[in-house]
Amino acid sequence: MGWWDLDLEPHIATMAKRIFPKISASQTSTLRVLANDETCRDLEWLISRYPIRVRQKGKLFTGEVELKRRARKYDEAIRIAWQIVRGEYNAPPFKMAKPPREYQKQAATLCHVTGGMLLADDLGVGKTISGIALLSMPNTLPALVVVPTHLQRHWRDKLAEFTPDLTSHIIKKGTPYDARKKAKGDIDVFICTYSKLAGWRDVLRREIKTVIFDEIQELRTGSGTQKYWASKDIADASSYRLGLSATPIYNYGGEFWHILNCLSPDVAGTQQEFFTQWCHGIYTSFYGLKKAKIKDPAAFGLHLRDKGVMLRRTRKQVGRELPDLTRVVQEVESDKAALTTGSDAASKLAAIILDQNASREERFTATGRFESWMRQATGIAKAPFVAEFVNMLLESDAEPLVLFGWHREVYSIWQEKLKHFNPVMFTGSESESQKRRSEETFKAGQSKVLIMSLRSGSGLDGLQHVSSRVVFGELDWTEGVHEQCTGRVHRDGQTSPVFAYYPVAKDGADPIMIDVLGVKRQQLEGVRDPLGDIVRPKKADPKHIRQLAEAYMASRAKR
C-alpha cells in the first residue's frame, strides 16, 4: 500500500486536513497519507486545485496516470456497491443445490465486488448461507473458513447441503500436514479453528483465494494474539475477505479497527488515523485502541455502509421476524458470607486500585485480580438462589432451558442443586465430543437444563427447536455476549415467544455490571443501525473497576 508525503503551504495544509480527516492535527507543512484507492480519488481533486509536491519513498511522485486509474477504480467500486445495496444490480447465477435467499445473494455479491466486507445481519437469519453463496461465485476457491471450535461440523454439514460439489476438510491439528492426502483429493474449502490457525499461516496464505471469518468478534482484541496475526496475514494474501457476526465487538468501538484491518484495511487506515478520525478516550501504546470509544457511532455506521464495507439487515427487513423476545430482570438474594470469603485480600487489591500513588502496572494487575474475585464471589453468593429461581421456572413449566454462567465453582453449585433435572454441560472445560453429547442429550429431551458458558456457544444452532427460555445466572461485562447467548434460542425456527431472565443480586459486581452494559451496547447499536432509534443509557464511569472498588470498600466500612 505504501505512503505519500505531501509538501504543502500552510493554508493548503489546512484545506488538506479537511479532505483527509485521518491526518493527525500535529502534522504541519508535510502531510503523510496512505496510498490507497480512496486517497487517490481525493488527492486527484486536491492536485487539480492547488500546487502540491507529492513524494513517495523520498522521491518525487510522477505517476499521475496511475493516480487517475486508481481513482476511477474507486469510483466504480462505490457505484456498484450502492447499486447492490439498493437492489439495482443483477447478481450472477449461484450454482447451489439449494438457492440462497435474495438478501443472501446481495451480501455475497457485495463482498465479491468490494473484496472485503463485514456482514452483521441479525442472529439466525442465515449468514452462513451468505458465505457459502460467495464460495459458489467465480475465482473464490480454494477457500478457508475460520470458526470457533464448536462450529466446524456446522460448516461442513451446510457446505454439503448447499454445495455438494465442493469438497471440504476440517483441519485436525495445529501443525501442518498433507491435507489433500488425508482427504484423498483436492480440497475446495478448508475449515480451521481460530486456535489452530497460527500453525497453518504460511501454508494457507499461499493457497487461499477467499477467507471467511465466522464469529469474527474473535479478532476484536487485535495484535496481542497469534490468531490475529495469522488471520491478518492470510486475509492480506486473499482476494476476498468476509467477516460474519451480528455482534462484531464486545466492548468499546475501538475494537472495530481490528476487525476492519483484516477485512478492508484501506477503510480502517492506521490505528492512529482511525483514532484521530473516529474516536475519543484512551489511545496509548499500553492500551492500544482497547479503551477508545467511537465519538459518533451512527456516523461511523453510515460511513461503513457508504463504502460498501458493512452490511446489516434486521429480521424485519428480510421478512424473517421471530416471536417476541421478553427480557425479565429479577432481583435475587445473595449469601453475604460468600462475599466476605477472602475479603482481606480483596480489600488490599481495592486499596491499590484507589491509591493514586501506586504505579500503573500495580493498578493494572490489581484491577484484573479484583474484578475476577468480585465476579466469582458474586456468582457464588447468588448461585443457590439462581438455582432456586431455575427450579421455580421448571416446576411451573416443563420446557427445558439454557442456564448461562462463567465460573466452575458456580457450575458445581448449580449441578448439585438442579441434579434432579439432569443438567448437562457446554463450557470451556469440555472436549468437543463431550459438548456434542451434551447438546444431543439436551435436544433429545433427556436433560431439562443445559449449563453453558457465556462465551462458549456463539453460532450454535438447533436449540430453538427445544427451548424458548434462557437464564443468565452470571453476567458478562458485554451486552453483545448476552445477545449471542439469547440468539441460541431466539433464531430462525423458533415458534414460541422467548424469555431471557436476568436474576441479579443487589450486592457485589452485578449493579455495576448492569450499568456498564448500557454504555457498551450504545457503541455497537449505533454502528450496526445508524438510522435506528437508540436509547441513550445512563453514562457509567469509564473506570468501572475503580467504581466497583469504591463500592466494595464502602460496604466493608459499614460492617
Protein backbone atom coordinates (compact mmCIF):
# COMPACT_ATOMS: atom_id res chain seq x y z
CA MET A 1 0.00 0.00 0.00
CA GLY A 2 2.71 2.50 0.99
CA TRP A 3 2.61 6.20 1.83
CA TRP A 4 2.59 9.56 0.13
CA ASP A 5 4.24 12.63 1.64
CA LEU A 6 2.54 15.86 0.57
CA ASP A 7 4.62 19.06 0.74
CA LEU A 8 2.15 21.94 1.17
CA GLU A 9 1.92 25.59 2.02
CA PRO A 10 0.34 26.12 5.48
CA HIS A 11 -3.02 27.36 4.15
CA ILE A 12 -3.22 24.40 1.72
CA ALA A 13 -2.32 22.01 4.55
CA THR A 14 -5.34 23.29 6.47
CA MET A 15 -7.57 22.53 3.48
CA ALA A 16 -5.97 19.09 3.02
CA LYS A 17 -6.70 18.12 6.62
CA ARG A 18 -10.39 18.69 5.96
CA ILE A 19 -10.22 16.37 2.95
CA PHE A 20 -8.12 13.75 4.72
CA PRO A 21 -9.69 13.65 8.21
CA LYS A 22 -7.45 10.76 9.30
CA ILE A 23 -4.40 13.06 9.27
CA SER A 24 -3.23 13.97 12.77
CA ALA A 25 -3.57 17.63 13.69
CA SER A 26 0.09 17.63 14.77
CA GLN A 27 1.27 17.28 11.15
CA THR A 28 2.14 20.65 9.58
CA SER A 29 3.61 21.52 6.18
CA THR A 30 4.34 17.89 5.22
CA LEU A 31 1.36 15.55 5.49
CA ARG A 32 1.62 11.76 5.27
CA VAL A 33 -1.33 9.78 3.85
CA LEU A 34 -1.84 6.14 2.90
CA ALA A 35 -1.50 5.48 -0.84
CA ASN A 36 -4.77 3.60 -1.34
CA ASP A 37 -7.57 3.86 -3.94
CA GLU A 38 -9.72 6.18 -1.80
CA THR A 39 -6.79 8.55 -1.22
CA CYS A 40 -6.16 8.57 -4.99
CA ARG A 41 -9.67 9.92 -5.53
CA ASP A 42 -9.22 12.78 -3.03
CA LEU A 43 -5.62 13.52 -3.98
CA GLU A 44 -6.58 13.81 -7.66
CA TRP A 45 -9.03 16.58 -6.80
CA LEU A 46 -6.58 18.35 -4.47
CA ILE A 47 -3.80 18.35 -7.07
CA SER A 48 -6.18 19.85 -9.63
CA ARG A 49 -6.82 22.80 -7.30
CA TYR A 50 -3.53 23.52 -5.56
CA PRO A 51 0.24 23.34 -6.23
CA ILE A 52 1.34 20.24 -4.32
CA ARG A 53 4.58 18.33 -4.33
CA VAL A 54 3.98 14.58 -3.79
CA ARG A 55 6.81 12.30 -2.69
CA GLN A 56 6.84 8.53 -2.38
CA LYS A 57 9.74 6.87 -0.53
CA GLY A 58 11.55 10.21 -0.66
CA LYS A 59 11.32 10.51 -4.46
CA LEU A 60 9.12 12.86 -6.44
CA PHE A 61 5.89 11.09 -7.47
CA THR A 62 5.25 11.18 -11.25
CA GLY A 63 2.51 8.55 -11.58
CA GLU A 64 -0.43 10.80 -12.44
CA VAL A 65 -1.79 8.23 -14.91
CA GLU A 66 -1.78 5.54 -12.22
CA LEU A 67 -3.39 8.01 -9.83
CA LYS A 68 -6.28 8.62 -12.22
CA ARG A 69 -6.70 4.88 -12.92
CA ARG A 70 -7.00 4.05 -9.23
CA ALA A 71 -9.34 6.99 -8.65
CA ARG A 72 -11.70 5.73 -11.39
CA LYS A 73 -11.45 2.20 -9.97
CA TYR A 74 -12.55 3.52 -6.58
CA ASP A 75 -15.45 5.47 -8.11
CA GLU A 76 -16.66 2.39 -9.98
CA ALA A 77 -16.47 0.15 -6.91
CA ILE A 78 -18.54 2.62 -4.87
CA ARG A 79 -21.08 2.98 -7.70
CA ILE A 80 -21.60 -0.77 -7.99
CA ALA A 81 -21.70 -1.19 -4.20
CA TRP A 82 -24.53 1.31 -3.99
CA GLN A 83 -26.42 -0.44 -6.79
CA ILE A 84 -26.13 -3.75 -4.92
CA VAL A 85 -27.29 -2.25 -1.61
CA ARG A 86 -30.29 -0.67 -3.35
CA GLY A 87 -31.19 -3.89 -5.13
CA GLU A 88 -30.48 -2.39 -8.57
CA TYR A 89 -27.67 -4.77 -9.51
CA ASN A 90 -28.29 -8.08 -11.27
CA ALA A 91 -26.41 -10.75 -9.34
CA PRO A 92 -24.88 -13.61 -11.34
CA PRO A 93 -26.48 -17.06 -11.05
CA PHE A 94 -25.45 -19.09 -8.00
CA LYS A 95 -24.55 -22.73 -8.60
CA MET A 96 -26.02 -24.18 -5.44
CA ALA A 97 -28.15 -27.24 -4.70
CA LYS A 98 -30.47 -25.04 -2.64
CA PRO A 99 -30.89 -21.44 -3.84
CA PRO A 100 -29.92 -18.70 -1.40
CA ARG A 101 -32.47 -16.06 -0.45
CA GLU A 102 -32.29 -12.70 -2.22
CA TYR A 103 -30.70 -10.90 0.74
CA GLN A 104 -28.08 -13.66 0.96
CA LYS A 105 -27.29 -13.21 -2.75
CA GLN A 106 -26.96 -9.47 -2.13
CA ALA A 107 -24.38 -9.98 0.63
CA ALA A 108 -22.31 -12.44 -1.42
CA THR A 109 -22.35 -10.16 -4.49
CA LEU A 110 -21.34 -7.09 -2.49
CA CYS A 111 -18.35 -8.90 -0.99
CA HIS A 112 -17.37 -10.19 -4.43
CA VAL A 113 -17.31 -6.61 -5.73
CA THR A 114 -15.64 -4.86 -2.79
CA GLY A 115 -13.22 -7.66 -1.88
CA GLY A 116 -13.71 -7.20 1.87
CA MET A 117 -16.85 -6.83 3.95
CA LEU A 118 -18.38 -7.28 7.40
CA LEU A 119 -21.80 -8.96 7.35
CA ALA A 120 -23.57 -8.07 10.60
CA ASP A 121 -27.08 -9.39 9.89
CA ASP A 122 -29.29 -10.23 12.85
CA LEU A 123 -28.67 -13.52 14.63
CA GLY A 124 -30.11 -16.55 12.92
CA VAL A 125 -31.05 -15.11 9.51
CA GLY A 126 -28.53 -17.22 7.59
CA LYS A 127 -25.13 -15.54 7.44
CA THR A 128 -23.57 -18.97 6.89
CA ILE A 129 -25.52 -19.38 3.65
CA SER A 130 -24.42 -15.91 2.52
CA GLY A 131 -20.82 -17.07 3.00
CA ILE A 132 -21.44 -20.29 1.08
CA ALA A 133 -23.06 -18.27 -1.73
CA LEU A 134 -19.82 -16.26 -2.01
CA LEU A 135 -17.86 -19.51 -2.37
CA SER A 136 -20.07 -20.53 -5.31
CA MET A 137 -19.02 -17.39 -7.25
CA PRO A 138 -16.15 -17.24 -9.79
CA ASN A 139 -12.50 -17.27 -8.70
CA THR A 140 -13.19 -17.71 -5.00
CA LEU A 141 -11.70 -21.20 -4.50
CA PRO A 142 -9.86 -22.64 -2.74
CA ALA A 143 -11.24 -21.01 0.37
CA LEU A 144 -10.73 -21.01 4.11
CA VAL A 145 -13.47 -20.78 6.73
CA VAL A 146 -12.19 -19.84 10.20
CA VAL A 147 -14.54 -20.84 13.02
CA PRO A 148 -14.87 -21.32 16.78
CA THR A 149 -14.30 -24.96 17.70
CA HIS A 150 -17.96 -25.94 18.06
CA LEU A 151 -18.90 -24.70 14.54
CA GLN A 152 -16.63 -26.97 12.49
CA ARG A 153 -19.28 -29.65 11.89
CA HIS A 154 -21.93 -26.99 11.27
CA TRP A 155 -19.97 -25.55 8.33
CA ARG A 156 -19.05 -28.97 6.95
CA ASP A 157 -22.72 -30.04 7.01
CA LYS A 158 -24.03 -26.79 5.50
CA LEU A 159 -21.45 -26.91 2.70
CA ALA A 160 -22.54 -30.48 1.89
CA GLU A 161 -26.20 -29.43 1.95
CA PHE A 162 -25.96 -26.30 -0.22
CA THR A 163 -22.86 -27.01 -2.37
CA PRO A 164 -22.41 -30.81 -2.51
CA ASP A 165 -19.98 -30.46 -5.43
CA LEU A 166 -17.46 -28.69 -3.21
CA THR A 167 -15.05 -30.75 -1.14
CA SER A 168 -14.31 -29.61 2.41
CA HIS A 169 -11.76 -30.63 5.01
CA ILE A 170 -11.69 -29.90 8.75
CA ILE A 171 -8.12 -29.21 9.86
CA LYS A 172 -7.47 -31.59 12.76
CA LYS A 173 -4.08 -30.48 14.10
CA GLY A 174 -2.34 -27.23 14.92
CA THR A 175 0.72 -28.23 12.88
CA PRO A 176 0.55 -28.60 9.07
CA TYR A 177 0.12 -31.98 7.41
CA ASP A 178 -0.71 -33.16 3.88
CA ALA A 179 -4.43 -32.36 3.98
CA ARG A 180 -5.04 -33.44 0.39
CA LYS A 181 -3.56 -36.87 1.09
CA LYS A 182 -5.80 -37.20 4.13
CA ALA A 183 -8.84 -36.02 2.13
CA LYS A 184 -7.84 -38.24 -0.82
CA GLY A 185 -8.10 -35.48 -3.38
CA ASP A 186 -8.30 -31.74 -3.94
CA ILE A 187 -9.88 -29.55 -1.27
CA ASP A 188 -12.14 -26.63 -2.15
CA VAL A 189 -12.82 -25.39 1.38
CA PHE A 190 -10.57 -25.72 4.41
CA ILE A 191 -12.28 -25.38 7.79
CA CYS A 192 -9.96 -24.33 10.62
CA THR A 193 -10.49 -23.13 14.18
CA TYR A 194 -9.03 -19.83 15.34
CA SER A 195 -6.86 -21.72 17.83
CA LYS A 196 -5.14 -23.80 15.10
CA LEU A 197 -4.71 -21.02 12.56
CA ALA A 198 -1.27 -19.76 13.61
CA GLY A 199 0.38 -23.09 12.81
CA TRP A 200 -1.14 -23.11 9.30
CA ARG A 201 -0.47 -19.46 8.46
CA ASP A 202 2.32 -19.99 5.91
CA VAL A 203 0.59 -22.91 4.19
CA LEU A 204 -2.83 -21.29 3.87
CA ARG A 205 -1.70 -17.84 2.78
CA ARG A 206 -0.08 -19.43 -0.30
CA GLU A 207 -3.23 -21.35 -1.26
CA ILE A 208 -6.30 -19.40 -0.30
CA LYS A 209 -8.26 -17.01 -2.54
CA THR A 210 -11.13 -16.40 -0.11
CA VAL A 211 -11.23 -16.33 3.68
CA ILE A 212 -14.43 -16.26 5.74
CA PHE A 213 -14.19 -15.42 9.44
CA ASP A 214 -17.25 -16.76 11.24
CA GLU A 215 -17.95 -15.08 14.58
CA ILE A 216 -15.28 -12.53 13.69
CA GLN A 217 -15.53 -10.95 17.14
CA GLU A 218 -12.82 -13.50 17.96
CA LEU A 219 -10.40 -10.97 16.40
CA ARG A 220 -11.71 -7.87 18.16
CA THR A 221 -8.84 -7.59 20.68
CA GLY A 222 -6.23 -7.46 17.95
CA SER A 223 -2.50 -7.78 17.88
CA GLY A 224 -1.94 -9.35 21.29
CA THR A 225 -2.74 -12.83 19.95
CA GLN A 226 -1.15 -15.15 17.41
CA LYS A 227 -4.56 -15.95 15.92
CA TYR A 228 -4.95 -12.28 15.00
CA TRP A 229 -1.65 -12.04 13.12
CA ALA A 230 -2.29 -15.35 11.38
CA SER A 231 -5.74 -14.10 10.36
CA LYS A 232 -4.30 -10.78 9.19
CA ASP A 233 -1.55 -12.42 7.09
CA ILE A 234 -3.96 -14.86 5.43
CA ALA A 235 -6.51 -12.09 4.80
CA ASP A 236 -3.87 -9.84 3.20
CA ALA A 237 -2.98 -12.65 0.79
CA SER A 238 -6.62 -13.35 -0.14
CA SER A 239 -8.70 -11.79 -2.90
CA TYR A 240 -11.96 -11.92 -0.92
CA ARG A 241 -12.49 -11.46 2.82
CA LEU A 242 -15.83 -11.86 4.58
CA GLY A 243 -16.44 -11.42 8.31
CA LEU A 244 -19.64 -12.79 9.85
CA SER A 245 -21.08 -11.65 13.18
CA ALA A 246 -24.19 -9.96 14.50
CA THR A 247 -22.04 -8.75 17.40
CA PRO A 248 -18.60 -7.90 15.90
CA ILE A 249 -17.44 -6.05 19.02
CA TYR A 250 -18.00 -6.78 22.69
CA ASN A 251 -16.67 -3.63 24.34
CA TYR A 252 -15.88 -0.16 23.03
CA GLY A 253 -15.85 0.95 19.41
CA GLY A 254 -12.07 0.93 19.06
CA GLU A 255 -12.36 -2.84 18.60
CA PHE A 256 -13.84 -2.19 15.15
CA TRP A 257 -10.38 -1.23 13.88
CA HIS A 258 -9.00 -4.73 14.42
CA ILE A 259 -11.94 -6.26 12.55
CA LEU A 260 -11.72 -3.82 9.63
CA ASN A 261 -7.94 -4.08 9.46
CA CYS A 262 -8.37 -7.71 8.43
CA LEU A 263 -11.34 -7.22 6.12
CA SER A 264 -10.71 -3.82 4.49
CA PRO A 265 -7.52 -2.11 5.70
CA ASP A 266 -7.91 0.79 3.25
CA VAL A 267 -11.04 1.88 5.11
CA ALA A 268 -9.54 1.38 8.57
CA GLY A 269 -6.24 3.19 7.97
CA THR A 270 -3.63 3.01 10.70
CA GLN A 271 -4.60 2.83 14.37
CA GLN A 272 -3.58 6.46 14.82
CA GLU A 273 -5.61 7.56 11.78
CA PHE A 274 -8.65 5.61 12.96
CA PHE A 275 -8.42 7.15 16.42
CA THR A 276 -7.94 10.67 15.04
CA GLN A 277 -10.92 10.46 12.71
CA TRP A 278 -13.46 8.48 14.71
CA CYS A 279 -12.58 8.07 18.36
CA HIS A 280 -12.07 9.69 21.70
CA GLY A 281 -10.95 8.27 25.03
CA ILE A 282 -7.67 6.45 25.59
CA TYR A 283 -5.18 5.59 22.86
CA THR A 284 -1.67 4.76 24.03
CA SER A 285 0.98 2.17 23.27
CA PHE A 286 -0.08 0.48 26.53
CA TYR A 287 -3.82 0.22 25.82
CA GLY A 288 -3.84 0.41 22.01
CA LEU A 289 -7.46 1.00 20.97
CA LYS A 290 -9.00 -1.15 23.72
CA LYS A 291 -10.32 1.87 25.64
CA ALA A 292 -11.12 4.06 22.63
CA LYS A 293 -14.78 4.94 22.05
CA ILE A 294 -16.44 5.87 18.76
CA LYS A 295 -17.44 9.54 19.02
CA ASP A 296 -20.50 9.18 16.78
CA PRO A 297 -21.45 5.51 16.26
CA ALA A 298 -24.26 6.35 13.83
CA ALA A 299 -21.97 8.43 11.60
CA PHE A 300 -19.36 5.67 11.64
CA GLY A 301 -22.00 3.08 10.72
CA LEU A 302 -23.18 5.20 7.78
CA HIS A 303 -19.56 5.63 6.65
CA LEU A 304 -19.06 1.85 6.54
CA ARG A 305 -22.27 1.42 4.55
CA ASP A 306 -21.35 4.19 2.12
CA LYS A 307 -18.06 2.41 1.41
CA GLY A 308 -19.80 -0.94 0.94
CA VAL A 309 -17.72 -2.38 3.79
CA MET A 310 -20.55 -3.36 6.15
CA LEU A 311 -24.00 -4.76 5.52
CA ARG A 312 -26.54 -5.37 8.21
CA ARG A 313 -30.18 -6.37 7.75
CA THR A 314 -32.66 -6.84 10.57
CA ARG A 315 -35.13 -9.70 10.68
CA LYS A 316 -37.91 -7.29 9.80
CA GLN A 317 -36.05 -6.06 6.72
CA VAL A 318 -35.56 -9.57 5.34
CA GLY A 319 -39.02 -10.83 6.30
CA ARG A 320 -37.75 -13.36 8.86
CA GLU A 321 -39.27 -11.90 12.01
CA LEU A 322 -39.33 -14.02 15.14
CA PRO A 323 -41.77 -14.28 18.04
CA ASP A 324 -41.29 -11.60 20.69
CA LEU A 325 -38.28 -11.56 22.99
CA THR A 326 -39.01 -10.52 26.57
CA ARG A 327 -36.21 -9.63 29.00
CA VAL A 328 -37.03 -10.08 32.67
CA VAL A 329 -34.71 -8.67 35.36
CA GLN A 330 -35.38 -10.37 38.69
CA GLU A 331 -33.62 -9.40 41.92
CA VAL A 332 -32.50 -12.44 43.93
CA GLU A 333 -30.93 -12.88 47.33
CA SER A 334 -27.23 -13.50 47.82
CA ASP A 335 -25.19 -15.15 50.53
CA LYS A 336 -23.41 -12.28 52.28
CA ALA A 337 -20.89 -14.69 53.79
CA ALA A 338 -19.70 -15.70 50.32
CA LEU A 339 -18.90 -12.06 49.58
CA THR A 340 -16.60 -11.90 52.61
CA THR A 341 -14.59 -15.05 51.86
CA GLY A 342 -11.09 -13.87 51.03
CA SER A 343 -12.18 -10.30 51.66
CA ASP A 344 -8.89 -9.30 53.29
CA ALA A 345 -7.03 -9.97 50.03
CA ALA A 346 -9.79 -8.24 48.07
CA SER A 347 -9.55 -5.19 50.33
CA LYS A 348 -5.83 -4.94 49.65
CA LEU A 349 -6.46 -5.09 45.90
CA ALA A 350 -9.17 -2.44 46.14
CA ALA A 351 -6.84 -0.20 48.13
CA ILE A 352 -4.18 -0.45 45.39
CA ILE A 353 -6.76 0.45 42.70
CA LEU A 354 -7.78 3.54 44.68
CA ASP A 355 -4.19 4.56 45.56
CA GLN A 356 -3.15 7.39 43.24
CA ASN A 357 0.49 6.83 44.23
CA ALA A 358 0.52 3.23 43.01
CA SER A 359 2.20 2.62 39.68
CA ARG A 360 0.17 1.99 36.53
CA GLU A 361 1.40 -1.61 36.42
CA GLU A 362 0.38 -2.18 40.06
CA ARG A 363 -3.10 -0.77 39.48
CA PHE A 364 -3.46 -2.74 36.23
CA THR A 365 -2.59 -6.05 37.94
CA ALA A 366 -4.78 -5.28 40.95
CA THR A 367 -7.70 -4.32 38.70
CA GLY A 368 -7.68 -7.66 36.87
CA ARG A 369 -7.40 -9.71 40.07
CA PHE A 370 -10.05 -7.68 41.92
CA GLU A 371 -12.52 -7.85 39.01
CA SER A 372 -12.05 -11.62 38.79
CA TRP A 373 -12.55 -12.06 42.53
CA MET A 374 -15.67 -9.86 42.64
CA ARG A 375 -17.34 -11.65 39.72
CA GLN A 376 -16.64 -15.08 41.15
CA ALA A 377 -17.69 -14.08 44.67
CA THR A 378 -20.92 -12.57 43.33
CA GLY A 379 -21.64 -15.68 41.25
CA ILE A 380 -21.07 -18.00 44.22
CA ALA A 381 -23.06 -15.77 46.58
CA LYS A 382 -26.18 -15.89 44.44
CA ALA A 383 -25.72 -19.38 42.92
CA PRO A 384 -28.10 -21.21 45.34
CA PHE A 385 -30.76 -18.56 44.77
CA VAL A 386 -30.30 -18.69 40.98
CA ALA A 387 -30.74 -22.48 41.19
CA GLU A 388 -33.94 -21.97 43.18
CA PHE A 389 -35.16 -19.50 40.55
CA VAL A 390 -34.44 -22.04 37.78
CA ASN A 391 -36.18 -24.74 39.82
CA MET A 392 -39.25 -22.49 40.09
CA LEU A 393 -39.30 -21.93 36.29
CA LEU A 394 -39.02 -25.66 35.55
CA GLU A 395 -41.63 -26.63 38.12
CA SER A 396 -44.12 -24.18 36.63
CA ASP A 397 -43.36 -25.16 33.01
CA ALA A 398 -41.78 -28.43 31.91
CA GLU A 399 -39.99 -26.86 28.90
CA PRO A 400 -36.19 -27.10 29.31
CA LEU A 401 -34.00 -24.02 29.49
CA VAL A 402 -30.42 -22.86 28.94
CA LEU A 403 -28.55 -21.54 32.01
CA PHE A 404 -25.54 -19.29 31.33
CA GLY A 405 -22.62 -18.76 33.70
CA TRP A 406 -18.86 -18.27 33.87
CA HIS A 407 -17.17 -19.91 36.88
CA ARG A 408 -16.60 -23.62 37.55
CA GLU A 409 -17.37 -23.11 41.26
CA VAL A 410 -20.76 -21.68 40.31
CA TYR A 411 -21.46 -24.54 37.88
CA SER A 412 -20.78 -27.05 40.67
CA ILE A 413 -23.39 -25.44 42.92
CA TRP A 414 -25.95 -25.41 40.10
CA GLN A 415 -25.24 -29.05 39.22
CA GLU A 416 -25.83 -30.14 42.80
CA LYS A 417 -28.95 -28.03 43.36
CA LEU A 418 -30.50 -28.99 39.99
CA LYS A 419 -29.33 -32.63 39.75
CA HIS A 420 -32.93 -33.90 39.61
CA PHE A 421 -33.17 -32.18 36.18
CA ASN A 422 -30.05 -34.00 34.85
CA PRO A 423 -28.10 -30.83 33.91
CA VAL A 424 -25.54 -31.20 31.09
CA MET A 425 -22.50 -29.02 30.42
CA PHE A 426 -21.36 -26.97 27.40
CA THR A 427 -18.49 -24.85 28.70
CA GLY A 428 -14.82 -24.24 28.08
CA SER A 429 -13.81 -27.29 30.12
CA GLU A 430 -15.44 -29.98 27.97
CA SER A 431 -13.92 -31.57 24.89
CA GLU A 432 -15.63 -31.19 21.52
CA SER A 433 -17.10 -34.71 21.77
CA GLN A 434 -18.37 -34.03 25.32
CA LYS A 435 -20.03 -30.81 24.16
CA ARG A 436 -21.65 -32.69 21.29
CA ARG A 437 -23.03 -35.32 23.68
CA SER A 438 -24.42 -32.60 25.97
CA GLU A 439 -26.05 -30.88 23.01
CA GLU A 440 -27.62 -34.14 21.79
CA THR A 441 -28.81 -35.10 25.28
CA PHE A 442 -30.50 -31.73 25.72
CA LYS A 443 -32.09 -31.79 22.27
CA ALA A 444 -33.39 -35.33 22.90
CA GLY A 445 -35.26 -34.14 26.00
CA GLN A 446 -33.14 -36.22 28.39
CA SER A 447 -31.99 -33.09 30.27
CA LYS A 448 -34.00 -30.09 31.38
CA VAL A 449 -31.01 -27.78 31.91
CA LEU A 450 -28.12 -27.04 29.56
CA ILE A 451 -25.44 -25.20 31.54
CA MET A 452 -23.49 -23.16 29.02
CA SER A 453 -20.53 -20.82 29.37
CA LEU A 454 -21.32 -17.23 28.41
CA ARG A 455 -18.67 -17.36 25.66
CA SER A 456 -18.81 -20.97 24.50
CA GLY A 457 -21.92 -21.20 22.33
CA SER A 458 -21.73 -18.49 19.65
CA GLY A 459 -23.16 -19.79 16.38
CA LEU A 460 -24.63 -22.97 17.94
CA ASP A 461 -27.85 -23.90 16.12
CA GLY A 462 -30.78 -26.21 16.89
CA LEU A 463 -31.61 -25.27 20.48
CA GLN A 464 -34.51 -23.14 19.22
CA HIS A 465 -36.42 -26.34 18.47
CA VAL A 466 -36.15 -27.44 22.11
CA SER A 467 -36.33 -24.35 24.29
CA SER A 468 -37.51 -20.75 24.34
CA ARG A 469 -36.02 -19.72 27.69
CA VAL A 470 -32.55 -18.65 28.82
CA VAL A 471 -31.35 -17.65 32.28
CA PHE A 472 -28.25 -15.52 32.88
CA GLY A 473 -27.08 -16.92 36.22
CA GLU A 474 -23.92 -14.82 35.87
CA LEU A 475 -23.43 -11.66 33.87
CA ASP A 476 -20.82 -10.73 31.27
CA TRP A 477 -19.39 -7.22 31.00
CA THR A 478 -20.60 -7.09 27.39
CA GLU A 479 -24.18 -6.98 26.11
CA GLY A 480 -23.01 -8.47 22.81
CA VAL A 481 -22.23 -11.69 24.68
CA HIS A 482 -25.74 -11.73 26.14
CA GLU A 483 -27.17 -11.17 22.69
CA GLN A 484 -25.18 -14.11 21.29
CA CYS A 485 -26.42 -16.28 24.17
CA THR A 486 -30.07 -15.32 23.66
CA GLY A 487 -29.58 -16.00 19.95
CA ARG A 488 -29.12 -19.71 20.68
CA VAL A 489 -32.91 -19.96 21.08
CA HIS A 490 -34.16 -16.70 19.54
CA ARG A 491 -33.38 -17.57 15.91
CA ASP A 492 -34.90 -18.95 12.71
CA GLY A 493 -37.16 -21.90 13.51
CA GLN A 494 -38.35 -20.60 16.89
CA THR A 495 -42.15 -20.67 17.10
CA SER A 496 -42.72 -19.53 20.70
CA PRO A 497 -42.15 -16.21 22.47
CA VAL A 498 -38.67 -16.17 24.00
CA PHE A 499 -37.92 -15.16 27.59
CA ALA A 500 -34.45 -14.10 28.80
CA TYR A 501 -34.23 -13.96 32.59
CA TYR A 502 -31.61 -11.94 34.46
CA PRO A 503 -31.57 -12.89 38.16
CA VAL A 504 -29.32 -10.16 39.61
CA ALA A 505 -28.05 -9.55 43.12
CA LYS A 506 -28.23 -6.11 44.72
CA ASP A 507 -24.74 -6.65 46.18
CA GLY A 508 -21.36 -7.48 44.65
CA ALA A 509 -20.49 -6.90 40.99
CA ASP A 510 -23.99 -7.11 39.47
CA PRO A 511 -25.14 -3.46 39.97
CA ILE A 512 -22.00 -2.00 38.34
CA MET A 513 -22.07 -4.55 35.50
CA ILE A 514 -25.68 -3.72 34.66
CA ASP A 515 -24.71 -0.04 34.45
CA VAL A 516 -21.67 -0.59 32.21
CA LEU A 517 -23.58 -2.89 29.84
CA GLY A 518 -25.75 0.01 28.72
CA VAL A 519 -22.77 2.14 27.66
CA LYS A 520 -21.13 -0.64 25.67
CA ARG A 521 -24.37 -1.52 23.91
CA GLN A 522 -24.64 2.07 22.66
CA GLN A 523 -21.27 1.71 20.87
CA LEU A 524 -22.43 -1.41 18.99
CA GLU A 525 -26.01 -0.38 18.24
CA GLY A 526 -25.09 3.00 16.76
CA VAL A 527 -22.75 1.42 14.21
CA ARG A 528 -25.00 -1.54 13.35
CA ASP A 529 -28.15 0.53 12.97
CA PRO A 530 -27.20 4.20 12.38
CA LEU A 531 -30.70 5.15 11.27
CA GLY A 532 -32.47 3.45 14.17
CA ASP A 533 -33.69 4.89 17.45
CA ILE A 534 -31.10 4.31 20.14
CA VAL A 535 -31.96 4.53 23.81
CA ARG A 536 -29.26 6.63 25.43
CA PRO A 537 -28.46 4.83 28.67
CA LYS A 538 -27.17 6.43 31.82
CA LYS A 539 -23.46 7.02 31.38
CA ALA A 540 -21.33 4.77 33.54
CA ASP A 541 -17.97 5.71 34.97
CA PRO A 542 -15.48 4.51 32.30
CA LYS A 543 -13.22 3.41 35.16
CA HIS A 544 -15.85 0.92 36.27
CA ILE A 545 -13.50 -1.33 38.22
CA ARG A 546 -12.49 1.70 40.30
CA GLN A 547 -16.19 2.35 40.89
CA LEU A 548 -16.57 -1.30 41.90
CA ALA A 549 -13.63 -0.98 44.31
CA GLU A 550 -15.12 2.16 45.87
CA ALA A 551 -18.48 0.45 46.38
CA TYR A 552 -16.76 -2.57 47.91
CA MET A 553 -14.71 -0.51 50.36
CA ALA A 554 -17.83 1.44 51.34
CA SER A 555 -19.70 -1.78 52.08
CA ARG A 556 -16.74 -3.05 54.14
CA ALA A 557 -16.80 0.14 56.20
CA LYS A 558 -20.45 -0.49 57.17
CA ARG A 559 -19.76 -3.97 58.56
